[in-house]
C-alpha atoms as a PDB file:
ATOM      1  CA  MET A   1      37.232 -44.549 -37.493  1.00  0.00           C
ATOM      2  CA  ARG A   2      34.626 -42.376 -39.265  1.00  0.00           C
ATOM      3  CA  PRO A   3      31.109 -43.883 -39.725  1.00  0.00           C
ATOM      4  CA  SER A   4      31.587 -43.999 -43.525  1.00  0.00           C
ATOM      5  CA  ALA A   5      34.885 -45.834 -43.108  1.00  0.00           C
ATOM      6  CA  ILE A   6      33.234 -48.288 -40.721  1.00  0.00           C
ATOM      7  CA  ARG A   7      30.528 -49.068 -43.288  1.00  0.00           C
ATOM      8  CA  ILE A   8      33.067 -49.697 -46.046  1.00  0.00           C
ATOM      9  CA  GLU A   9      35.179 -51.876 -43.776  1.00  0.00           C
ATOM     10  CA  ALA A  10      32.086 -53.734 -42.590  1.00  0.00           C
ATOM     11  CA  GLN A  11      31.080 -54.540 -46.161  1.00  0.00           C
ATOM     12  CA  ARG A  12      34.556 -55.874 -46.863  1.00  0.00           C
ATOM     13  CA  MET A  13      34.574 -57.990 -43.728  1.00  0.00           C
ATOM     14  CA  GLN A  14      31.130 -59.451 -44.385  1.00  0.00           C
ATOM     15  CA  HIS A  15      32.614 -61.347 -47.335  1.00  0.00           C
ATOM     16  CA  ALA A  16      35.020 -63.011 -44.920  1.00  0.00           C
ATOM     17  CA  ARG A  17      32.305 -64.095 -42.456  1.00  0.00           C
ATOM     18  CA  LYS A  18      32.437 -67.758 -41.485  1.00  0.00           C
ATOM     19  CA  THR A  19      29.437 -70.091 -41.276  1.00  0.00           C
ATOM     20  CA  HIS A  20      29.291 -69.598 -37.503  1.00  0.00           C
ATOM     21  CA  SER A  21      27.605 -66.320 -36.549  1.00  0.00           C
ATOM     22  CA  PRO A  22      29.741 -64.833 -33.756  1.00  0.00           C
ATOM     23  CA  ARG A  23      28.119 -63.552 -30.566  1.00  0.00           C
ATOM     24  CA  ILE A  24      29.509 -60.814 -28.340  1.00  0.00           C
ATOM     25  CA  ALA A  25      28.624 -59.888 -24.756  1.00  0.00           C
ATOM     26  CA  ILE A  26      29.366 -56.426 -23.411  1.00  0.00           C
ATOM     27  CA  ILE A  27      29.280 -55.784 -19.674  1.00  0.00           C
ATOM     28  CA  GLY A  28      28.381 -52.167 -18.986  1.00  0.00           C
ATOM     29  CA  ALA A  29      26.017 -49.850 -20.874  1.00  0.00           C
ATOM     30  CA  GLY A  30      27.843 -46.554 -20.441  1.00  0.00           C
ATOM     31  CA  MET A  31      29.661 -44.585 -23.133  1.00  0.00           C
ATOM     32  CA  ALA A  32      32.349 -47.228 -23.724  1.00  0.00           C
ATOM     33  CA  GLY A  33      29.925 -50.144 -23.864  1.00  0.00           C
ATOM     34  CA  ILE A  34      27.291 -48.516 -26.051  1.00  0.00           C
ATOM     35  CA  SER A  35      29.753 -46.874 -28.439  1.00  0.00           C
ATOM     36  CA  CYS A  36      31.428 -50.272 -28.809  1.00  0.00           C
ATOM     37  CA  ALA A  37      28.091 -52.016 -29.419  1.00  0.00           C
ATOM     38  CA  ASP A  38      27.031 -49.331 -31.888  1.00  0.00           C
ATOM     39  CA  ALA A  39      30.215 -49.815 -33.915  1.00  0.00           C
ATOM     40  CA  LEU A  40      29.966 -53.623 -33.781  1.00  0.00           C
ATOM     41  CA  GLN A  41      26.429 -53.495 -35.151  1.00  0.00           C
ATOM     42  CA  ARG A  42      27.800 -51.637 -38.156  1.00  0.00           C
ATOM     43  CA  TYR A  43      29.871 -54.763 -38.787  1.00  0.00           C
ATOM     44  CA  ASP A  44      26.590 -56.737 -38.629  1.00  0.00           C
ATOM     45  CA  LEU A  45      27.722 -58.568 -35.488  1.00  0.00           C
ATOM     46  CA  ALA A  46      25.297 -59.802 -32.802  1.00  0.00           C
ATOM     47  CA  VAL A  47      25.796 -57.933 -29.521  1.00  0.00           C
ATOM     48  CA  THR A  48      24.152 -58.300 -26.108  1.00  0.00           C
ATOM     49  CA  LEU A  49      24.755 -55.779 -23.317  1.00  0.00           C
ATOM     50  CA  PHE A  50      24.411 -56.358 -19.579  1.00  0.00           C
ATOM     51  CA  ASP A  51      24.267 -53.627 -16.941  1.00  0.00           C
ATOM     52  CA  LYS A  52      23.585 -53.833 -13.218  1.00  0.00           C
ATOM     53  CA  SER A  53      21.782 -50.473 -13.192  1.00  0.00           C
ATOM     54  CA  ARG A  54      18.156 -49.806 -14.059  1.00  0.00           C
ATOM     55  CA  GLY A  55      19.108 -47.505 -16.922  1.00  0.00           C
ATOM     56  CA  ILE A  56      21.819 -46.939 -19.486  1.00  0.00           C
ATOM     57  CA  GLY A  57      24.567 -44.334 -19.429  1.00  0.00           C
ATOM     58  CA  GLY A  58      26.716 -45.192 -16.418  1.00  0.00           C
ATOM     59  CA  ARG A  59      28.119 -41.895 -15.157  1.00  0.00           C
ATOM     60  CA  LEU A  60      26.124 -40.090 -17.861  1.00  0.00           C
ATOM     61  CA  ALA A  61      23.401 -39.981 -15.252  1.00  0.00           C
ATOM     62  CA  THR A  62      20.246 -38.042 -14.413  1.00  0.00           C
ATOM     63  CA  ARG A  63      18.325 -38.339 -11.137  1.00  0.00           C
ATOM     64  CA  ARG A  64      14.628 -37.428 -11.158  1.00  0.00           C
ATOM     65  CA  THR A  65      12.706 -36.742  -7.967  1.00  0.00           C
ATOM     66  CA  ASP A  66       9.083 -37.457  -7.111  1.00  0.00           C
ATOM     67  CA  GLY A  67       8.547 -33.708  -7.196  1.00  0.00           C
ATOM     68  CA  GLY A  68       9.565 -33.493 -10.833  1.00  0.00           C
ATOM     69  CA  ASP A  69      13.041 -32.024 -10.389  1.00  0.00           C
ATOM     70  CA  SER A  70      15.986 -33.499 -12.249  1.00  0.00           C
ATOM     71  CA  PHE A  71      19.700 -33.458 -11.556  1.00  0.00           C
ATOM     72  CA  ASP A  72      22.582 -34.377 -13.845  1.00  0.00           C
ATOM     73  CA  HIS A  73      24.631 -35.763 -10.985  1.00  0.00           C
ATOM     74  CA  GLY A  74      27.382 -37.669 -12.790  1.00  0.00           C
ATOM     75  CA  ALA A  75      29.464 -36.426 -15.714  1.00  0.00           C
ATOM     76  CA  GLN A  76      28.682 -32.726 -16.053  1.00  0.00           C
ATOM     77  CA  TYR A  77      29.401 -32.256 -19.754  1.00  0.00           C
ATOM     78  CA  ILE A  78      31.379 -33.647 -22.651  1.00  0.00           C
ATOM     79  CA  THR A  79      33.971 -31.980 -24.854  1.00  0.00           C
ATOM     80  CA  THR A  80      35.195 -33.046 -28.277  1.00  0.00           C
ATOM     81  CA  ARG A  81      38.851 -33.036 -29.317  1.00  0.00           C
ATOM     82  CA  SER A  82      39.014 -35.592 -32.156  1.00  0.00           C
ATOM     83  CA  ALA A  83      37.220 -35.601 -35.513  1.00  0.00           C
ATOM     84  CA  ASP A  84      35.711 -39.031 -34.828  1.00  0.00           C
ATOM     85  CA  PHE A  85      34.166 -38.013 -31.528  1.00  0.00           C
ATOM     86  CA  SER A  86      32.987 -34.694 -32.953  1.00  0.00           C
ATOM     87  CA  ALA A  87      31.121 -36.628 -35.655  1.00  0.00           C
ATOM     88  CA  PHE A  88      29.696 -38.947 -32.988  1.00  0.00           C
ATOM     89  CA  VAL A  89      28.407 -36.016 -30.910  1.00  0.00           C
ATOM     90  CA  ASP A  90      27.007 -34.326 -34.035  1.00  0.00           C
ATOM     91  CA  ARG A  91      25.027 -37.491 -34.672  1.00  0.00           C
ATOM     92  CA  LEU A  92      23.556 -37.278 -31.156  1.00  0.00           C
ATOM     93  CA  ARG A  93      22.772 -33.582 -31.602  1.00  0.00           C
ATOM     94  CA  GLN A  94      20.953 -34.285 -34.870  1.00  0.00           C
ATOM     95  CA  ALA A  95      18.901 -36.911 -33.028  1.00  0.00           C
ATOM     96  CA  GLY A  96      17.893 -34.305 -30.440  1.00  0.00           C
ATOM     97  CA  ALA A  97      19.761 -36.032 -27.617  1.00  0.00           C
ATOM     98  CA  ALA A  98      22.534 -33.467 -27.108  1.00  0.00           C
ATOM     99  CA  ALA A  99      22.949 -29.704 -27.100  1.00  0.00           C
ATOM    100  CA  GLU A 100      25.631 -27.165 -26.294  1.00  0.00           C
ATOM    101  CA  TRP A 101      25.570 -25.862 -22.717  1.00  0.00           C
ATOM    102  CA  GLN A 102      26.637 -22.251 -22.260  1.00  0.00           C
ATOM    103  CA  PRO A 103      26.323 -21.447 -18.552  1.00  0.00           C
ATOM    104  CA  ARG A 104      27.442 -18.219 -16.952  1.00  0.00           C
ATOM    105  CA  LEU A 105      30.826 -19.012 -15.464  1.00  0.00           C
ATOM    106  CA  SER A 106      32.571 -17.533 -12.446  1.00  0.00           C
ATOM    107  CA  THR A 107      34.873 -14.628 -13.264  1.00  0.00           C
ATOM    108  CA  ASP A 108      37.988 -16.705 -12.576  1.00  0.00           C
ATOM    109  CA  ALA A 109      37.047 -19.349 -15.177  1.00  0.00           C
ATOM    110  CA  SER A 110      39.485 -19.906 -18.035  1.00  0.00           C
ATOM    111  CA  ALA A 111      38.680 -20.501 -21.701  1.00  0.00           C
ATOM    112  CA  HIS A 112      37.504 -24.019 -22.512  1.00  0.00           C
ATOM    113  CA  HIS A 113      36.280 -26.257 -25.299  1.00  0.00           C
ATOM    114  CA  ALA A 114      32.552 -26.181 -26.058  1.00  0.00           C
ATOM    115  CA  TRP A 115      30.499 -28.102 -23.504  1.00  0.00           C
ATOM    116  CA  PHE A 116      27.787 -30.510 -24.673  1.00  0.00           C
ATOM    117  CA  VAL A 117      25.151 -32.150 -22.490  1.00  0.00           C
ATOM    118  CA  GLY A 118      22.375 -34.673 -22.938  1.00  0.00           C
ATOM    119  CA  THR A 119      18.832 -33.392 -23.466  1.00  0.00           C
ATOM    120  CA  PRO A 120      16.667 -33.335 -21.502  1.00  0.00           C
ATOM    121  CA  GLY A 121      19.326 -34.859 -19.238  1.00  0.00           C
ATOM    122  CA  MET A 122      22.680 -36.599 -19.438  1.00  0.00           C
ATOM    123  CA  SER A 123      21.029 -40.015 -19.239  1.00  0.00           C
ATOM    124  CA  ALA A 124      19.300 -39.294 -22.573  1.00  0.00           C
ATOM    125  CA  LEU A 125      22.560 -38.750 -24.443  1.00  0.00           C
ATOM    126  CA  LEU A 126      23.028 -42.325 -25.660  1.00  0.00           C
ATOM    127  CA  LYS A 127      19.386 -43.337 -26.098  1.00  0.00           C
ATOM    128  CA  PRO A 128      19.298 -42.822 -29.888  1.00  0.00           C
ATOM    129  CA  LEU A 129      21.944 -45.546 -30.185  1.00  0.00           C
ATOM    130  CA  THR A 130      20.038 -48.145 -28.159  1.00  0.00           C
ATOM    131  CA  GLN A 131      16.880 -48.626 -30.220  1.00  0.00           C
ATOM    132  CA  ASP A 132      18.155 -51.784 -31.910  1.00  0.00           C
ATOM    133  CA  LEU A 133      20.421 -53.031 -29.118  1.00  0.00           C
ATOM    134  CA  ASP A 134      19.709 -56.071 -26.938  1.00  0.00           C
ATOM    135  CA  ILE A 135      20.259 -54.658 -23.429  1.00  0.00           C
ATOM    136  CA  HIS A 136      19.643 -56.523 -20.168  1.00  0.00           C
ATOM    137  CA  LEU A 137      19.317 -54.012 -17.318  1.00  0.00           C
ATOM    138  CA  ASN A 138      19.219 -54.777 -13.587  1.00  0.00           C
ATOM    139  CA  THR A 139      21.561 -57.668 -14.377  1.00  0.00           C
ATOM    140  CA  THR A 140      24.797 -58.115 -12.452  1.00  0.00           C
ATOM    141  CA  VAL A 141      27.376 -60.385 -14.078  1.00  0.00           C
ATOM    142  CA  SER A 142      29.302 -62.062 -11.268  1.00  0.00           C
ATOM    143  CA  ALA A 143      31.571 -64.548 -13.070  1.00  0.00           C
ATOM    144  CA  LEU A 144      32.685 -65.964 -16.410  1.00  0.00           C
ATOM    145  CA  GLU A 145      32.771 -69.684 -17.186  1.00  0.00           C
ATOM    146  CA  ARG A 146      34.501 -71.386 -20.112  1.00  0.00           C
ATOM    147  CA  SER A 147      32.215 -73.000 -22.679  1.00  0.00           C
ATOM    148  CA  GLY A 148      34.216 -74.652 -25.445  1.00  0.00           C
ATOM    149  CA  ASN A 149      36.023 -71.825 -27.212  1.00  0.00           C
ATOM    150  CA  GLY A 150      33.639 -69.259 -25.769  1.00  0.00           C
ATOM    151  CA  TRP A 151      32.335 -67.923 -22.472  1.00  0.00           C
ATOM    152  CA  GLN A 152      29.132 -68.076 -20.475  1.00  0.00           C
ATOM    153  CA  LEU A 153      28.146 -65.326 -18.060  1.00  0.00           C
ATOM    154  CA  ARG A 154      27.000 -66.205 -14.545  1.00  0.00           C
ATOM    155  CA  THR A 155      24.689 -63.551 -13.128  1.00  0.00           C
ATOM    156  CA  ALA A 156      24.121 -62.685  -9.473  1.00  0.00           C
ATOM    157  CA  ASP A 157      20.883 -64.700  -9.373  1.00  0.00           C
ATOM    158  CA  GLY A 158      22.738 -67.820 -10.531  1.00  0.00           C
ATOM    159  CA  THR A 159      21.547 -67.761 -14.140  1.00  0.00           C
ATOM    160  CA  LEU A 160      24.025 -69.003 -16.743  1.00  0.00           C
ATOM    161  CA  SER A 161      23.846 -67.278 -20.121  1.00  0.00           C
ATOM    162  CA  GLU A 162      24.276 -68.735 -23.575  1.00  0.00           C
ATOM    163  CA  SER A 163      27.812 -68.952 -24.922  1.00  0.00           C
ATOM    164  CA  TYR A 164      29.589 -65.914 -26.358  1.00  0.00           C
ATOM    165  CA  ASP A 165      32.644 -65.884 -28.599  1.00  0.00           C
ATOM    166  CA  VAL A 166      33.890 -62.634 -27.080  1.00  0.00           C
ATOM    167  CA  VAL A 167      33.203 -60.951 -23.745  1.00  0.00           C
ATOM    168  CA  ILE A 168      33.969 -57.253 -23.321  1.00  0.00           C
ATOM    169  CA  SER A 169      33.964 -55.602 -19.899  1.00  0.00           C
ATOM    170  CA  THR A 170      33.622 -51.840 -19.636  1.00  0.00           C
ATOM    171  CA  ALA A 171      33.133 -51.932 -15.866  1.00  0.00           C
ATOM    172  CA  PRO A 172      35.611 -50.087 -13.610  1.00  0.00           C
ATOM    173  CA  PRO A 173      39.016 -51.803 -13.258  1.00  0.00           C
ATOM    174  CA  VAL A 174      38.323 -53.276  -9.801  1.00  0.00           C
ATOM    175  CA  GLN A 175      35.083 -54.870 -10.981  1.00  0.00           C
ATOM    176  CA  THR A 176      36.598 -56.047 -14.267  1.00  0.00           C
ATOM    177  CA  ARG A 177      39.490 -57.589 -12.355  1.00  0.00           C
ATOM    178  CA  ALA A 178      37.073 -59.700 -10.314  1.00  0.00           C
ATOM    179  CA  LEU A 179      35.319 -60.895 -13.478  1.00  0.00           C
ATOM    180  CA  PHE A 180      38.569 -61.731 -15.251  1.00  0.00           C
ATOM    181  CA  ALA A 181      39.986 -63.986 -12.545  1.00  0.00           C
ATOM    182  CA  VAL A 182      40.515 -66.485 -15.380  1.00  0.00           C
ATOM    183  CA  ASP A 183      43.274 -64.267 -16.840  1.00  0.00           C
ATOM    184  CA  PRO A 184      46.035 -63.300 -14.366  1.00  0.00           C
ATOM    185  CA  ALA A 185      47.914 -61.280 -17.009  1.00  0.00           C
ATOM    186  CA  MET A 186      44.935 -59.002 -17.580  1.00  0.00           C
ATOM    187  CA  GLN A 187      44.415 -58.736 -13.829  1.00  0.00           C
ATOM    188  CA  ALA A 188      48.006 -57.562 -13.365  1.00  0.00           C
ATOM    189  CA  SER A 189      47.493 -54.787 -15.923  1.00  0.00           C
ATOM    190  CA  LEU A 190      44.239 -53.746 -14.266  1.00  0.00           C
ATOM    191  CA  ASP A 191      45.995 -53.470 -10.902  1.00  0.00           C
ATOM    192  CA  ALA A 192      48.089 -50.567 -12.218  1.00  0.00           C
ATOM    193  CA  ILE A 193      45.040 -48.363 -12.895  1.00  0.00           C
ATOM    194  CA  SER A 194      43.729 -45.901 -10.311  1.00  0.00           C
ATOM    195  CA  MET A 195      40.380 -44.152 -10.066  1.00  0.00           C
ATOM    196  CA  ALA A 196      39.235 -41.545  -7.550  1.00  0.00           C
ATOM    197  CA  PRO A 197      35.788 -41.364  -5.920  1.00  0.00           C
ATOM    198  CA  CYS A 198      33.367 -38.450  -5.908  1.00  0.00           C
ATOM    199  CA  TRP A 199      30.503 -37.615  -3.581  1.00  0.00           C
ATOM    200  CA  THR A 200      27.742 -35.608  -5.286  1.00  0.00           C
ATOM    201  CA  LEU A 201      25.154 -33.401  -3.594  1.00  0.00           C
ATOM    202  CA  MET A 202      21.807 -32.776  -5.276  1.00  0.00           C
ATOM    203  CA  ALA A 203      19.807 -29.989  -3.662  1.00  0.00           C
ATOM    204  CA  THR A 204      16.774 -27.856  -4.441  1.00  0.00           C
ATOM    205  CA  PHE A 205      16.572 -24.682  -2.366  1.00  0.00           C
ATOM    206  CA  THR A 206      13.504 -22.654  -1.426  1.00  0.00           C
ATOM    207  CA  ALA A 207      15.175 -19.418  -2.544  1.00  0.00           C
ATOM    208  CA  PRO A 208      17.949 -18.504  -4.991  1.00  0.00           C
ATOM    209  CA  ILE A 209      21.607 -18.758  -3.992  1.00  0.00           C
ATOM    210  CA  ASP A 210      22.901 -15.226  -4.486  1.00  0.00           C
ATOM    211  CA  VAL A 211      25.761 -15.905  -6.911  1.00  0.00           C
ATOM    212  CA  ASP A 212      26.412 -14.467 -10.373  1.00  0.00           C
ATOM    213  CA  PHE A 213      27.303 -17.735 -12.105  1.00  0.00           C
ATOM    214  CA  ASP A 214      25.648 -20.953 -13.242  1.00  0.00           C
ATOM    215  CA  ALA A 215      28.745 -23.128 -12.958  1.00  0.00           C
ATOM    216  CA  ARG A 216      31.967 -22.846 -11.038  1.00  0.00           C
ATOM    217  CA  ARG A 217      35.022 -25.006 -10.563  1.00  0.00           C
ATOM    218  CA  PHE A 218      36.912 -24.776  -7.257  1.00  0.00           C
ATOM    219  CA  ASP A 219      40.659 -25.414  -7.255  1.00  0.00           C
ATOM    220  CA  GLU A 220      40.951 -26.048  -3.514  1.00  0.00           C
ATOM    221  CA  GLY A 221      38.808 -27.059  -0.578  1.00  0.00           C
ATOM    222  CA  ALA A 222      36.199 -29.765  -0.143  1.00  0.00           C
ATOM    223  CA  VAL A 223      33.977 -28.614  -3.018  1.00  0.00           C
ATOM    224  CA  SER A 224      35.296 -29.014  -6.562  1.00  0.00           C
ATOM    225  CA  TRP A 225      32.289 -28.039  -8.690  1.00  0.00           C
ATOM    226  CA  MET A 226      28.766 -26.620  -8.554  1.00  0.00           C
ATOM    227  CA  ALA A 227      26.220 -26.155 -11.339  1.00  0.00           C
ATOM    228  CA  ARG A 228      22.746 -24.648 -11.528  1.00  0.00           C
ATOM    229  CA  GLN A 229      20.444 -27.194 -13.156  1.00  0.00           C
ATOM    230  CA  ALA A 230      18.108 -24.588 -14.682  1.00  0.00           C
ATOM    231  CA  SER A 231      20.971 -23.330 -16.858  1.00  0.00           C
ATOM    232  CA  ARG A 232      21.186 -26.638 -18.683  1.00  0.00           C
ATOM    233  CA  PRO A 233      19.217 -27.077 -21.948  1.00  0.00           C
ATOM    234  CA  GLN A 234      15.662 -28.375 -21.328  1.00  0.00           C
ATOM    235  CA  HIS A 235      16.182 -28.387 -17.542  1.00  0.00           C
ATOM    236  CA  GLY A 236      14.010 -25.310 -16.919  1.00  0.00           C
ATOM    237  CA  GLY A 237      11.706 -26.778 -14.265  1.00  0.00           C
ATOM    238  CA  ASN A 238      14.310 -27.040 -11.519  1.00  0.00           C
ATOM    239  CA  GLN A 239      14.934 -23.319 -10.983  1.00  0.00           C
ATOM    240  CA  GLN A 240      16.706 -23.582  -7.616  1.00  0.00           C
ATOM    241  CA  GLY A 241      18.335 -26.973  -8.140  1.00  0.00           C
ATOM    242  CA  TRP A 242      22.099 -27.364  -7.874  1.00  0.00           C
ATOM    243  CA  VAL A 243      24.536 -30.235  -8.313  1.00  0.00           C
ATOM    244  CA  VAL A 244      27.687 -30.030  -6.209  1.00  0.00           C
ATOM    245  CA  HIS A 245      30.715 -32.306  -6.500  1.00  0.00           C
ATOM    246  CA  ALA A 246      33.162 -32.865  -3.680  1.00  0.00           C
ATOM    247  CA  GLY A 247      36.859 -33.103  -4.459  1.00  0.00           C
ATOM    248  CA  ALA A 248      38.610 -36.451  -4.734  1.00  0.00           C
ATOM    249  CA  GLU A 249      40.506 -36.104  -1.447  1.00  0.00           C
ATOM    250  CA  TRP A 250      37.430 -35.121   0.560  1.00  0.00           C
ATOM    251  CA  SER A 251      35.373 -37.848  -1.112  1.00  0.00           C
ATOM    252  CA  ALA A 252      37.974 -40.483  -0.253  1.00  0.00           C
ATOM    253  CA  GLU A 253      38.166 -39.325   3.364  1.00  0.00           C
ATOM    254  CA  HIS A 254      34.372 -39.576   3.726  1.00  0.00           C
ATOM    255  CA  LEU A 255      33.853 -42.521   1.378  1.00  0.00           C
ATOM    256  CA  GLU A 256      32.086 -44.863   3.795  1.00  0.00           C
ATOM    257  CA  LEU A 257      29.739 -42.351   5.422  1.00  0.00           C
ATOM    258  CA  THR A 258      26.035 -42.653   4.710  1.00  0.00           C
ATOM    259  CA  PRO A 259      24.464 -40.466   2.014  1.00  0.00           C
ATOM    260  CA  GLU A 260      22.527 -38.651   4.742  1.00  0.00           C
ATOM    261  CA  GLN A 261      25.708 -37.810   6.639  1.00  0.00           C
ATOM    262  CA  VAL A 262      27.448 -36.632   3.489  1.00  0.00           C
ATOM    263  CA  ALA A 263      24.485 -34.493   2.395  1.00  0.00           C
ATOM    264  CA  SER A 264      24.649 -32.597   5.677  1.00  0.00           C
ATOM    265  CA  LEU A 265      28.425 -32.160   5.541  1.00  0.00           C
ATOM    266  CA  MET A 266      28.447 -31.079   1.903  1.00  0.00           C
ATOM    267  CA  GLN A 267      25.899 -28.343   2.558  1.00  0.00           C
ATOM    268  CA  GLN A 268      28.237 -26.984   5.216  1.00  0.00           C
ATOM    269  CA  GLU A 269      31.200 -27.204   2.852  1.00  0.00           C
ATOM    270  CA  LEU A 270      29.270 -25.503   0.043  1.00  0.00           C
ATOM    271  CA  SER A 271      28.331 -22.629   2.346  1.00  0.00           C
ATOM    272  CA  ARG A 272      31.985 -22.273   3.281  1.00  0.00           C
ATOM    273  CA  ALA A 273      33.131 -22.426  -0.366  1.00  0.00           C
ATOM    274  CA  ILE A 274      30.854 -19.615  -1.580  1.00  0.00           C
ATOM    275  CA  GLY A 275      31.123 -17.579   1.613  1.00  0.00           C
ATOM    276  CA  MET A 276      27.436 -17.304   2.475  1.00  0.00           C
ATOM    277  CA  ALA A 277      24.647 -19.132   4.240  1.00  0.00           C
ATOM    278  CA  LEU A 278      22.518 -21.384   2.083  1.00  0.00           C
ATOM    279  CA  PRO A 279      18.734 -21.049   1.767  1.00  0.00           C
ATOM    280  CA  GLN A 280      16.666 -23.838   3.251  1.00  0.00           C
ATOM    281  CA  ALA A 281      16.606 -26.959   1.068  1.00  0.00           C
ATOM    282  CA  SER A 282      13.315 -28.546   0.014  1.00  0.00           C
ATOM    283  CA  PHE A 283      15.138 -31.560  -1.405  1.00  0.00           C
ATOM    284  CA  VAL A 284      18.603 -32.861  -0.648  1.00  0.00           C
ATOM    285  CA  GLN A 285      20.319 -36.125  -1.534  1.00  0.00           C
ATOM    286  CA  ALA A 286      23.894 -37.363  -1.848  1.00  0.00           C
ATOM    287  CA  HIS A 287      25.218 -39.965  -4.260  1.00  0.00           C
ATOM    288  CA  ARG A 288      28.558 -41.739  -4.114  1.00  0.00           C
ATOM    289  CA  TRP A 289      30.509 -42.441  -7.269  1.00  0.00           C
ATOM    290  CA  ARG A 290      33.088 -44.894  -6.001  1.00  0.00           C
ATOM    291  CA  TYR A 291      34.920 -44.935  -9.345  1.00  0.00           C
ATOM    292  CA  ALA A 292      34.387 -41.424 -10.675  1.00  0.00           C
ATOM    293  CA  MET A 293      37.574 -40.222 -12.338  1.00  0.00           C
ATOM    294  CA  THR A 294      40.711 -41.835 -13.709  1.00  0.00           C
ATOM    295  CA  THR A 295      43.865 -40.712 -11.927  1.00  0.00           C
ATOM    296  CA  GLN A 296      46.270 -43.309 -13.370  1.00  0.00           C
ATOM    297  CA  PRO A 297      45.174 -44.587 -16.808  1.00  0.00           C
ATOM    298  CA  LEU A 298      46.239 -47.779 -18.525  1.00  0.00           C
ATOM    299  CA  GLY A 299      47.941 -45.837 -21.316  1.00  0.00           C
ATOM    300  CA  GLN A 300      46.422 -47.784 -24.236  1.00  0.00           C
ATOM    301  CA  PRO A 301      42.870 -48.068 -25.638  1.00  0.00           C
ATOM    302  CA  PHE A 302      42.042 -51.513 -24.220  1.00  0.00           C
ATOM    303  CA  LEU A 303      43.252 -54.799 -22.796  1.00  0.00           C
ATOM    304  CA  ALA A 304      42.824 -58.167 -24.511  1.00  0.00           C
ATOM    305  CA  SER A 305      43.508 -61.764 -23.560  1.00  0.00           C
ATOM    306  CA  ALA A 306      46.069 -63.734 -25.544  1.00  0.00           C
ATOM    307  CA  ASP A 307      43.340 -65.499 -27.550  1.00  0.00           C
ATOM    308  CA  LYS A 308      41.369 -62.244 -27.984  1.00  0.00           C
ATOM    309  CA  SER A 309      38.222 -63.690 -26.454  1.00  0.00           C
ATOM    310  CA  LEU A 310      38.269 -61.257 -23.507  1.00  0.00           C
ATOM    311  CA  PHE A 311      38.514 -57.486 -23.814  1.00  0.00           C
ATOM    312  CA  ALA A 312      38.400 -54.717 -21.236  1.00  0.00           C
ATOM    313  CA  GLY A 313      38.118 -50.999 -21.766  1.00  0.00           C
ATOM    314  CA  GLY A 314      36.653 -47.713 -20.649  1.00  0.00           C
ATOM    315  CA  ASP A 315      37.679 -44.148 -19.955  1.00  0.00           C
ATOM    316  CA  TRP A 316      40.208 -45.548 -17.478  1.00  0.00           C
ATOM    317  CA  CYS A 317      42.300 -46.765 -20.390  1.00  0.00           C
ATOM    318  CA  LEU A 318      43.115 -43.309 -21.752  1.00  0.00           C
ATOM    319  CA  GLY A 319      42.117 -40.624 -19.260  1.00  0.00           C
ATOM    320  CA  ALA A 320      39.305 -38.907 -17.417  1.00  0.00           C
ATOM    321  CA  ARG A 321      37.163 -37.491 -20.239  1.00  0.00           C
ATOM    322  CA  VAL A 322      34.011 -39.004 -21.724  1.00  0.00           C
ATOM    323  CA  GLU A 323      35.769 -38.944 -25.085  1.00  0.00           C
ATOM    324  CA  CYS A 324      38.322 -41.394 -23.665  1.00  0.00           C
ATOM    325  CA  ALA A 325      35.510 -43.890 -23.045  1.00  0.00           C
ATOM    326  CA  TYR A 326      34.274 -43.451 -26.611  1.00  0.00           C
ATOM    327  CA  GLN A 327      37.760 -43.944 -28.047  1.00  0.00           C
ATOM    328  CA  SER A 328      38.248 -47.110 -26.013  1.00  0.00           C
ATOM    329  CA  GLY A 329      34.881 -48.513 -27.101  1.00  0.00           C
ATOM    330  CA  ALA A 330      35.530 -47.754 -30.769  1.00  0.00           C
ATOM    331  CA  ALA A 331      39.006 -49.291 -30.631  1.00  0.00           C
ATOM    332  CA  MET A 332      37.676 -52.479 -29.031  1.00  0.00           C
ATOM    333  CA  ALA A 333      34.967 -52.762 -31.682  1.00  0.00           C
ATOM    334  CA  ALA A 334      37.539 -52.565 -34.472  1.00  0.00           C
ATOM    335  CA  ALA A 335      39.770 -55.163 -32.794  1.00  0.00           C
ATOM    336  CA  VAL A 336      36.892 -57.564 -32.111  1.00  0.00           C
ATOM    337  CA  ALA A 337      35.553 -57.247 -35.659  1.00  0.00           C
ATOM    338  CA  LYS A 338      38.991 -57.937 -37.081  1.00  0.00           C
ATOM    339  CA  ARG A 339      39.369 -61.037 -34.921  1.00  0.00           C
ATOM    340  CA  LEU A 340      35.905 -62.468 -35.636  1.00  0.00           C
ATOM    341  CA  LEU A 341      35.571 -61.609 -39.316  1.00  0.00           C
ATOM    342  CA  THR A 342      39.058 -61.915 -40.764  1.00  0.00           C
ATOM    343  CA  GLU A 343      41.248 -64.107 -38.565  1.00  0.00           C
END
């Protein structure tokens, strides 16, 4: 739904508001959660977000080192296919939080949609949308408890939240399933979804890697992707920094190794993939994304309980692109607003 259409619909729905002011909790402050919260605020609904991480964005992530280097080590870029998401990204670009990335690609690269990235890093992409949001970071929601017609959230430290009319989870399916133990039907649907892991290597080298590209995708082997960080908008300080993604199969086979073990192995695999020895690294670190990419999506924008008090969504509903997370979040916002303001 276009922003203008949301405003018109919100104005119409405000006339139907009941005396009780509904409250909504969203678990997860990535693209799905924040796009959902952003849309719900346009309906003048009270939203509180909870995320276990210390920052927003989820897989829209940037790692900064003590030495001042930065690495976009999660989602590498976003593309736009729909008019709604194009308008959403344009809004972020106008706010200075996104820019087009035009790296030199390997000669075997095929044509692609325009790539957009967060500026100065992927973690900054959603920040313009969070200024008026109530977000609780470093907060792990471990269970839901019934409270009249609503729900209270139990956090890992034992704290019990106030009551919410609707709870939305945008966590990965496995984590959402654990939270929604109160709804076996939703759990059964979540069981059908599959996501693949990804190990990521972040490395700064003492000399340039002698390649003629800034980004390359690999169709076979342990390495699936590598990108020079200095080629990304506003990333200029990290001249010899690279982010390398391992393929899903390799990542799954090495899933439970330590980051130190994986960092060593991935350097060997990268050397093999590009056919040359690597320069010495001044910084190296590996990060595991246990739920990195959807391999078997739900096939619909979201899940909802029979009474529409519980919702679940994310990129895993529709596919593997960031736009899928946005579409799921927007669809949940429309469904929740309809339930709270008109039913």
